[in-house]
Amino acid sequence: SCLRSGRKTNDPPLLTGPSPTPKSWKPYILPGAIL
């Protein structure tokens, strides 16, 4: 539902959903090297 903490905070709750996957740079390495 939201972010829980042992301390009280006024930060708005984070939306739920799948965590963003960091982008991979591997597909860009070979074309960049050729260019």
PDB file of all heavy atoms in Angstrom:
ATOM      1  N   SER A   1       0.811  -1.221   0.000  1.00  0.00           N
ATOM      2  CA  SER A   1       0.000   0.000   0.000  1.00  0.00           C
ATOM      3  C   SER A   1       0.836   1.258   0.000  1.00  0.00           C
ATOM      4  O   SER A   1       0.586   2.163  -0.759  1.00  0.00           O
ATOM      5  CB  SER A   1      -0.942   0.011   1.201  1.00  0.00           C
ATOM      6  OG  SER A   1      -0.178  -0.060   2.402  1.00  0.00           O
ATOM      7  N   CYS A   2       1.833   1.354   0.884  1.00  0.00           N
ATOM      8  CA  CYS A   2       2.617   2.581   0.976  1.00  0.00           C
ATOM      9  C   CYS A   2       3.930   2.278   1.650  1.00  0.00           C
ATOM     10  O   CYS A   2       4.189   1.128   2.026  1.00  0.00           O
ATOM     11  CB  CYS A   2       1.836   3.667   1.736  1.00  0.00           C
ATOM     12  SG  CYS A   2       1.478   3.176   3.465  1.00  0.00           S
ATOM     13  N   LEU A   3       4.739   3.301   1.889  1.00  0.00           N
ATOM     14  CA  LEU A   3       6.034   3.152   2.529  1.00  0.00           C
ATOM     15  C   LEU A   3       5.852   3.235   4.029  1.00  0.00           C
ATOM     16  O   LEU A   3       5.310   4.200   4.536  1.00  0.00           O
ATOM     17  CB  LEU A   3       6.988   4.244   2.045  1.00  0.00           C
ATOM     18  CG  LEU A   3       8.392   4.233   2.626  1.00  0.00           C
ATOM     19  CD1 LEU A   3       9.128   2.990   2.100  1.00  0.00           C
ATOM     20  CD2 LEU A   3       9.153   5.490   2.249  1.00  0.00           C
ATOM     21  N   ARG A   4       6.297   2.212   4.746  1.00  0.00           N
ATOM     22  CA  ARG A   4       6.221   2.208   6.207  1.00  0.00           C
ATOM     23  C   ARG A   4       7.577   2.531   6.797  1.00  0.00           C
ATOM     24  O   ARG A   4       8.587   2.123   6.251  1.00  0.00           O
ATOM     25  CB  ARG A   4       5.755   0.852   6.705  1.00  0.00           C
ATOM     26  CG  ARG A   4       4.324   0.532   6.305  1.00  0.00           C
ATOM     27  CD  ARG A   4       3.930  -0.815   6.838  1.00  0.00           C
ATOM     28  NE  ARG A   4       2.551  -1.145   6.450  1.00  0.00           N
ATOM     29  CZ  ARG A   4       1.966  -2.280   6.761  1.00  0.00           C
ATOM     30  NH1 ARG A   4       2.619  -3.213   7.425  1.00  0.00           N
ATOM     31  NH2 ARG A   4       0.713  -2.494   6.392  1.00  0.00           N
ATOM     32  N   SER A   5       7.582   3.199   7.947  1.00  0.00           N
ATOM     33  CA  SER A   5       8.821   3.539   8.623  1.00  0.00           C
ATOM     34  C   SER A   5       8.595   3.550  10.101  1.00  0.00           C
ATOM     35  O   SER A   5       7.481   3.761  10.575  1.00  0.00           O
ATOM     36  CB  SER A   5       9.308   4.899   8.142  1.00  0.00           C
ATOM     37  OG  SER A   5      10.444   5.302   8.863  1.00  0.00           O
ATOM     38  N   GLY A   6       9.685   3.307  10.781  1.00  0.00           N
ATOM     39  CA  GLY A   6       9.573   3.344  12.233  1.00  0.00           C
ATOM     40  C   GLY A   6       9.453   4.751  12.729  1.00  0.00           C
ATOM     41  O   GLY A   6       9.040   4.970  13.855  1.00  0.00           O
ATOM     42  N   ARG A   7       9.832   5.705  11.907  1.00  0.00           N
ATOM     43  CA  ARG A   7       9.712   7.104  12.299  1.00  0.00           C
ATOM     44  C   ARG A   7       8.558   7.740  11.543  1.00  0.00           C
ATOM     45  O   ARG A   7       8.228   7.350  10.435  1.00  0.00           O
ATOM     46  CB  ARG A   7      11.005   7.874  11.974  1.00  0.00           C
ATOM     47  CG  ARG A   7      12.224   7.317  12.718  1.00  0.00           C
ATOM     48  CD  ARG A   7      13.451   8.087  12.303  1.00  0.00           C
ATOM     49  NE  ARG A   7      14.631   7.546  12.964  1.00  0.00           N
ATOM     50  CZ  ARG A   7      15.862   8.005  12.752  1.00  0.00           C
ATOM     51  NH1 ARG A   7      16.045   8.985  11.888  1.00  0.00           N
ATOM     52  NH2 ARG A   7      16.900   7.468  13.398  1.00  0.00           N
ATOM     53  N   LYS A   8       8.026   8.781  12.161  1.00  0.00           N
ATOM     54  CA  LYS A   8       6.959   9.523  11.506  1.00  0.00           C
ATOM     55  C   LYS A   8       7.562  10.452  10.474  1.00  0.00           C
ATOM     56  O   LYS A   8       8.554  11.107  10.709  1.00  0.00           O
ATOM     57  CB  LYS A   8       6.159  10.341  12.513  1.00  0.00           C
ATOM     58  CG  LYS A   8       5.342   9.474  13.455  1.00  0.00           C
ATOM     59  CD  LYS A   8       4.498  10.335  14.371  1.00  0.00           C
ATOM     60  CE  LYS A   8       3.639   9.482  15.296  1.00  0.00           C
ATOM     61  NZ  LYS A   8       2.796  10.292  16.199  1.00  0.00           N
ATOM     62  N   THR A   9       6.945  10.511   9.381  1.00  0.00           N
ATOM     63  CA  THR A   9       7.433  11.383   8.304  1.00  0.00           C
ATOM     64  C   THR A   9       6.267  11.985   7.588  1.00  0.00           C
ATOM     65  O   THR A   9       5.172  11.429   7.549  1.00  0.00           O
ATOM     66  CB  THR A   9       8.280  10.573   7.310  1.00  0.00           C
ATOM     67  OG1 THR A   9       8.661  11.447   6.246  1.00  0.00           O
ATOM     68  CG2 THR A   9       7.532   9.401   6.722  1.00  0.00           C
ATOM     69  N   ASN A  10       6.516  13.143   7.019  1.00  0.00           N
ATOM     70  CA  ASN A  10       5.470  13.842   6.253  1.00  0.00           C
ATOM     71  C   ASN A  10       5.566  13.609   4.762  1.00  0.00           C
ATOM     72  O   ASN A  10       4.878  14.237   3.979  1.00  0.00           O
ATOM     73  CB  ASN A  10       5.558  15.352   6.520  1.00  0.00           C
ATOM     74  CG  ASN A  10       5.240  15.674   7.984  1.00  0.00           C
ATOM     75  OD1 ASN A  10       4.385  15.020   8.585  1.00  0.00           O
ATOM     76  ND2 ASN A  10       5.925  16.690   8.527  1.00  0.00           N
ATOM     77  N   ASP A  11       6.513  12.731   4.339  1.00  0.00           N
ATOM     78  CA  ASP A  11       6.649  12.462   2.909  1.00  0.00           C
ATOM     79  C   ASP A  11       5.411  11.777   2.390  1.00  0.00           C
ATOM     80  O   ASP A  11       4.824  10.927   3.069  1.00  0.00           O
ATOM     81  CB  ASP A  11       7.866  11.577   2.649  1.00  0.00           C
ATOM     82  CG  ASP A  11       9.153  12.301   3.014  1.00  0.00           C
ATOM     83  OD1 ASP A  11       9.129  13.564   3.027  1.00  0.00           O
ATOM     84  OD2 ASP A  11      10.165  11.605   3.281  1.00  0.00           O
ATOM     85  N   PRO A  12       5.004  12.116   1.216  1.00  0.00           N
ATOM     86  CA  PRO A  12       3.816  11.447   0.629  1.00  0.00           C
ATOM     87  C   PRO A  12       4.135   9.994   0.352  1.00  0.00           C
ATOM     88  O   PRO A  12       5.269   9.622   0.097  1.00  0.00           O
ATOM     89  CB  PRO A  12       3.563  12.226  -0.648  1.00  0.00           C
ATOM     90  CG  PRO A  12       4.881  12.792  -1.016  1.00  0.00           C
ATOM     91  CD  PRO A  12       5.571  13.105   0.285  1.00  0.00           C
ATOM     92  N   PRO A  13       3.144   9.160   0.433  1.00  0.00           N
ATOM     93  CA  PRO A  13       3.364   7.731   0.172  1.00  0.00           C
ATOM     94  C   PRO A  13       3.759   7.498  -1.274  1.00  0.00           C
ATOM     95  O   PRO A  13       3.323   8.211  -2.162  1.00  0.00           O
ATOM     96  CB  PRO A  13       2.016   7.104   0.484  1.00  0.00           C
ATOM     97  CG  PRO A  13       1.032   8.188   0.267  1.00  0.00           C
ATOM     98  CD  PRO A  13       1.734   9.454   0.706  1.00  0.00           C
ATOM     99  N   LEU A  14       4.639   6.529  -1.467  1.00  0.00           N
ATOM    100  CA  LEU A  14       5.065   6.155  -2.818  1.00  0.00           C
ATOM    101  C   LEU A  14       4.020   5.297  -3.474  1.00  0.00           C
ATOM    102  O   LEU A  14       3.368   4.481  -2.823  1.00  0.00           O
ATOM    103  CB  LEU A  14       6.389   5.396  -2.755  1.00  0.00           C
ATOM    104  CG  LEU A  14       7.574   6.196  -2.202  1.00  0.00           C
ATOM    105  CD1 LEU A  14       8.795   5.299  -2.136  1.00  0.00           C
ATOM    106  CD2 LEU A  14       7.848   7.403  -3.064  1.00  0.00           C
ATOM    107  N   LEU A  15       3.842   5.502  -4.777  1.00  0.00           N
ATOM    108  CA  LEU A  15       2.879   4.700  -5.507  1.00  0.00           C
ATOM    109  C   LEU A  15       3.400   3.292  -5.662  1.00  0.00           C
ATOM    110  O   LEU A  15       4.605   3.057  -5.769  1.00  0.00           O
ATOM    111  CB  LEU A  15       2.613   5.323  -6.877  1.00  0.00           C
ATOM    112  CG  LEU A  15       1.981   6.729  -6.853  1.00  0.00           C
ATOM    113  CD1 LEU A  15       1.859   7.250  -8.272  1.00  0.00           C
ATOM    114  CD2 LEU A  15       0.620   6.682  -6.153  1.00  0.00           C
ATOM    115  N   THR A  16       2.486   2.401  -5.686  1.00  0.00           N
ATOM    116  CA  THR A  16       2.854   0.999  -5.863  1.00  0.00           C
ATOM    117  C   THR A  16       3.072   0.712  -7.333  1.00  0.00           C
ATOM    118  O   THR A  16       2.625   1.443  -8.200  1.00  0.00           O
ATOM    119  CB  THR A  16       1.750   0.085  -5.311  1.00  0.00           C
ATOM    120  OG1 THR A  16       0.570   0.338  -6.060  1.00  0.00           O
ATOM    121  CG2 THR A  16       1.527   0.324  -3.846  1.00  0.00           C
ATOM    122  N   GLY A  17       3.712  -0.363  -7.625  1.00  0.00           N
ATOM    123  CA  GLY A  17       3.946  -0.765  -9.008  1.00  0.00           C
ATOM    124  C   GLY A  17       5.298  -1.418  -9.120  1.00  0.00           C
ATOM    125  O   GLY A  17       6.098  -1.390  -8.186  1.00  0.00           O
ATOM    126  N   PRO A  18       5.576  -1.985 -10.247  1.00  0.00           N
ATOM    127  CA  PRO A  18       6.874  -2.664 -10.419  1.00  0.00           C
ATOM    128  C   PRO A  18       8.013  -1.660 -10.417  1.00  0.00           C
ATOM    129  O   PRO A  18       7.894  -0.555 -10.922  1.00  0.00           O
ATOM    130  CB  PRO A  18       6.730  -3.347 -11.791  1.00  0.00           C
ATOM    131  CG  PRO A  18       5.692  -2.538 -12.508  1.00  0.00           C
ATOM    132  CD  PRO A  18       4.731  -2.074 -11.449  1.00  0.00           C
ATOM    133  N   SER A  19       9.084  -2.049  -9.784  1.00  0.00           N
ATOM    134  CA  SER A  19      10.261  -1.190  -9.697  1.00  0.00           C
ATOM    135  C   SER A  19      10.865  -1.024 -11.090  1.00  0.00           C
ATOM    136  O   SER A  19      10.974  -1.996 -11.840  1.00  0.00           O
ATOM    137  CB  SER A  19      11.304  -1.822  -8.758  1.00  0.00           C
ATOM    138  OG  SER A  19      10.734  -1.978  -7.468  1.00  0.00           O
ATOM    139  N   PRO A  20      11.239   0.223 -11.430  1.00  0.00           N
ATOM    140  CA  PRO A  20      11.825   0.443 -12.771  1.00  0.00           C
ATOM    141  C   PRO A  20      13.146  -0.293 -12.904  1.00  0.00           C
ATOM    142  O   PRO A  20      13.989  -0.237 -12.019  1.00  0.00           O
ATOM    143  CB  PRO A  20      12.003   1.959 -12.843  1.00  0.00           C
ATOM    144  CG  PRO A  20      12.079   2.409 -11.416  1.00  0.00           C
ATOM    145  CD  PRO A  20      11.206   1.485 -10.642  1.00  0.00           C
ATOM    146  N   THR A  21      13.293  -0.969 -14.021  1.00  0.00           N
ATOM    147  CA  THR A  21      14.520  -1.718 -14.292  1.00  0.00           C
ATOM    148  C   THR A  21      15.544  -0.787 -14.920  1.00  0.00           C
ATOM    149  O   THR A  21      15.229  -0.086 -15.876  1.00  0.00           O
ATOM    150  CB  THR A  21      14.231  -2.874 -15.249  1.00  0.00           C
ATOM    151  OG1 THR A  21      13.206  -3.684 -14.676  1.00  0.00           O
ATOM    152  CG2 THR A  21      15.487  -3.713 -15.473  1.00  0.00           C
ATOM    153  N   PRO A  22      16.772  -0.726 -14.365  1.00  0.00           N
ATOM    154  CA  PRO A  22      17.782   0.152 -14.948  1.00  0.00           C
ATOM    155  C   PRO A  22      18.077  -0.241 -16.406  1.00  0.00           C
ATOM    156  O   PRO A  22      18.152  -1.410 -16.738  1.00  0.00           O
ATOM    157  CB  PRO A  22      19.010  -0.071 -14.051  1.00  0.00           C
ATOM    158  CG  PRO A  22      18.771  -1.380 -13.389  1.00  0.00           C
ATOM    159  CD  PRO A  22      17.293  -1.490 -13.235  1.00  0.00           C
ATOM    160  N   LYS A  23      18.227   0.789 -17.273  1.00  0.00           N
ATOM    161  CA  LYS A  23      18.465   0.538 -18.696  1.00  0.00           C
ATOM    162  C   LYS A  23      19.852  -0.042 -18.920  1.00  0.00           C
ATOM    163  O   LYS A  23      20.815   0.369 -18.292  1.00  0.00           O
ATOM    164  CB  LYS A  23      18.324   1.831 -19.507  1.00  0.00           C
ATOM    165  CG  LYS A  23      16.916   2.389 -19.521  1.00  0.00           C
ATOM    166  CD  LYS A  23      16.842   3.615 -20.400  1.00  0.00           C
ATOM    167  CE  LYS A  23      15.422   4.156 -20.457  1.00  0.00           C
ATOM    168  NZ  LYS A  23      15.331   5.354 -21.292  1.00  0.00           N
ATOM    169  N   SER A  24      19.923  -0.984 -19.836  1.00  0.00           N
ATOM    170  CA  SER A  24      21.211  -1.601 -20.169  1.00  0.00           C
ATOM    171  C   SER A  24      21.838  -0.868 -21.340  1.00  0.00           C
ATOM    172  O   SER A  24      21.185  -0.542 -22.320  1.00  0.00           O
ATOM    173  CB  SER A  24      21.003  -3.077 -20.535  1.00  0.00           C
ATOM    174  OG  SER A  24      22.207  -3.645 -20.969  1.00  0.00           O
ATOM    175  N   TRP A  25      23.143  -0.592 -21.240  1.00  0.00           N
ATOM    176  CA  TRP A  25      23.876   0.123 -22.289  1.00  0.00           C
ATOM    177  C   TRP A  25      24.539  -0.816 -23.280  1.00  0.00           C
ATOM    178  O   TRP A  25      25.190  -0.383 -24.218  1.00  0.00           O
ATOM    179  CB  TRP A  25      24.933   1.032 -21.667  1.00  0.00           C
ATOM    180  CG  TRP A  25      24.340   2.134 -20.867  1.00  0.00           C
ATOM    181  CD1 TRP A  25      24.151   2.187 -19.536  1.00  0.00           C
ATOM    182  CD2 TRP A  25      23.811   3.364 -21.387  1.00  0.00           C
ATOM    183  NE1 TRP A  25      23.547   3.366 -19.158  1.00  0.00           N
ATOM    184  CE2 TRP A  25      23.324   4.110 -20.286  1.00  0.00           C
ATOM    185  CE3 TRP A  25      23.700   3.901 -22.677  1.00  0.00           C
ATOM    186  CZ2 TRP A  25      22.746   5.367 -20.446  1.00  0.00           C
ATOM    187  CZ3 TRP A  25      23.131   5.138 -22.829  1.00  0.00           C
ATOM    188  CH2 TRP A  25      22.654   5.856 -21.718  1.00  0.00           C
ATOM    189  N   LYS A  26      24.419  -2.122 -23.075  1.00  0.00           N
ATOM    190  CA  LYS A  26      25.089  -3.076 -23.954  1.00  0.00           C
ATOM    191  C   LYS A  26      24.668  -2.959 -25.416  1.00  0.00           C
ATOM    192  O   LYS A  26      25.521  -3.024 -26.310  1.00  0.00           O
ATOM    193  CB  LYS A  26      24.863  -4.506 -23.459  1.00  0.00           C
ATOM    194  CG  LYS A  26      25.574  -4.793 -22.140  1.00  0.00           C
ATOM    195  CD  LYS A  26      25.351  -6.234 -21.707  1.00  0.00           C
ATOM    196  CE  LYS A  26      26.078  -6.544 -20.406  1.00  0.00           C
ATOM    197  NZ  LYS A  26      25.872  -7.932 -19.976  1.00  0.00           N
ATOM    198  N   PRO A  27      23.363  -2.776 -25.709  1.00  0.00           N
ATOM    199  CA  PRO A  27      22.991  -2.684 -27.134  1.00  0.00           C
ATOM    200  C   PRO A  27      23.595  -1.480 -27.858  1.00  0.00           C
ATOM    201  O   PRO A  27      23.656  -1.440 -29.071  1.00  0.00           O
ATOM    202  CB  PRO A  27      21.459  -2.591 -27.103  1.00  0.00           C
ATOM    203  CG  PRO A  27      21.074  -3.178 -25.793  1.00  0.00           C
ATOM    204  CD  PRO A  27      22.178  -2.805 -24.852  1.00  0.00           C
ATOM    205  N   TYR A  28      24.044  -0.446 -27.073  1.00  0.00           N
ATOM    206  CA  TYR A  28      24.569   0.758 -27.695  1.00  0.00           C
ATOM    207  C   TYR A  28      26.088   0.765 -27.809  1.00  0.00           C
ATOM    208  O   TYR A  28      26.663   1.645 -28.429  1.00  0.00           O
ATOM    209  CB  TYR A  28      24.123   1.992 -26.903  1.00  0.00           C
ATOM    210  CG  TYR A  28      22.616   2.095 -26.748  1.00  0.00           C
ATOM    211  CD1 TYR A  28      21.992   1.641 -25.595  1.00  0.00           C
ATOM    212  CD2 TYR A  28      21.837   2.638 -27.770  1.00  0.00           C
ATOM    213  CE1 TYR A  28      20.620   1.730 -25.442  1.00  0.00           C
ATOM    214  CE2 TYR A  28      20.460   2.724 -27.637  1.00  0.00           C
ATOM    215  CZ  TYR A  28      19.843   2.270 -26.462  1.00  0.00           C
ATOM    216  OH  TYR A  28      18.509   2.353 -26.332  1.00  0.00           O
ATOM    217  N   ILE A  29      26.734  -0.206 -27.191  1.00  0.00           N
ATOM    218  CA  ILE A  29      28.206  -0.199 -27.172  1.00  0.00           C
ATOM    219  C   ILE A  29      28.774  -0.457 -28.560  1.00  0.00           C
ATOM    220  O   ILE A  29      29.621   0.280 -29.059  1.00  0.00           O
ATOM    221  CB  ILE A  29      28.722  -1.246 -26.154  1.00  0.00           C
ATOM    222  CG1 ILE A  29      28.345  -0.816 -24.732  1.00  0.00           C
ATOM    223  CG2 ILE A  29      30.241  -1.396 -26.274  1.00  0.00           C
ATOM    224  CD1 ILE A  29      28.745  -1.824 -23.677  1.00  0.00           C
ATOM    225  N   LEU A  30      28.328  -1.539 -29.250  1.00  0.00           N
ATOM    226  CA  LEU A  30      28.869  -1.903 -30.558  1.00  0.00           C
ATOM    227  C   LEU A  30      28.610  -0.850 -31.630  1.00  0.00           C
ATOM    228  O   LEU A  30      29.535  -0.438 -32.338  1.00  0.00           O
ATOM    229  CB  LEU A  30      28.313  -3.262 -30.991  1.00  0.00           C
ATOM    230  CG  LEU A  30      28.850  -3.819 -32.312  1.00  0.00           C
ATOM    231  CD1 LEU A  30      30.369  -3.966 -32.240  1.00  0.00           C
ATOM    232  CD2 LEU A  30      28.192  -5.158 -32.645  1.00  0.00           C
ATOM    233  N   PRO A  31      27.344  -0.334 -31.769  1.00  0.00           N
ATOM    234  CA  PRO A  31      27.143   0.732 -32.772  1.00  0.00           C
ATOM    235  C   PRO A  31      27.972   1.974 -32.479  1.00  0.00           C
ATOM    236  O   PRO A  31      28.488   2.623 -33.378  1.00  0.00           O
ATOM    237  CB  PRO A  31      25.633   1.016 -32.697  1.00  0.00           C
ATOM    238  CG  PRO A  31      25.038  -0.235 -32.150  1.00  0.00           C
ATOM    239  CD  PRO A  31      26.067  -0.765 -31.186  1.00  0.00           C
ATOM    240  N   GLY A  32      28.099   2.318 -31.183  1.00  0.00           N
ATOM    241  CA  GLY A  32      28.905   3.478 -30.829  1.00  0.00           C
ATOM    242  C   GLY A  32      30.353   3.303 -31.199  1.00  0.00           C
ATOM    243  O   GLY A  32      31.014   4.225 -31.684  1.00  0.00           O
ATOM    244  N   ALA A  33      30.869   2.071 -30.959  1.00  0.00           N
ATOM    245  CA  ALA A  33      32.271   1.810 -31.296  1.00  0.00           C
ATOM    246  C   ALA A  33      32.489   1.887 -32.805  1.00  0.00           C
ATOM    247  O   ALA A  33      33.485   2.422 -33.286  1.00  0.00           O
ATOM    248  CB  ALA A  33      32.684   0.440 -30.768  1.00  0.00           C
ATOM    249  N   ILE A  34      31.540   1.343 -33.587  1.00  0.00           N
ATOM    250  CA  ILE A  34      31.669   1.384 -35.047  1.00  0.00           C
ATOM    251  C   ILE A  34      31.632   2.817 -35.561  1.00  0.00           C
ATOM    252  O   ILE A  34      32.437   3.232 -36.395  1.00  0.00           O
ATOM    253  CB  ILE A  34      30.567   0.539 -35.701  1.00  0.00           C
ATOM    254  CG1 ILE A  34      30.751  -0.955 -35.338  1.00  0.00           C
ATOM    255  CG2 ILE A  34      30.569   0.715 -37.210  1.00  0.00           C
ATOM    256  CD1 ILE A  34      29.637  -1.832 -35.841  1.00  0.00           C
ATOM    257  N   LEU A  35      30.682   3.613 -35.025  1.00  0.00           N
ATOM    258  CA  LEU A  35      30.571   5.000 -35.454  1.00  0.00           C
ATOM    259  C   LEU A  35      31.821   5.788 -35.098  1.00  0.00           C
ATOM    260  O   LEU A  35      32.326   6.587 -35.880  1.00  0.00           O
ATOM    261  CB  LEU A  35      29.329   5.634 -34.817  1.00  0.00           C
ATOM    262  CG  LEU A  35      29.031   7.091 -35.199  1.00  0.00           C
ATOM    263  CD1 LEU A  35      28.837   7.209 -36.693  1.00  0.00           C
ATOM    264  CD2 LEU A  35      27.811   7.597 -34.452  1.00  0.00           C
TER     265      LEU A  35
END
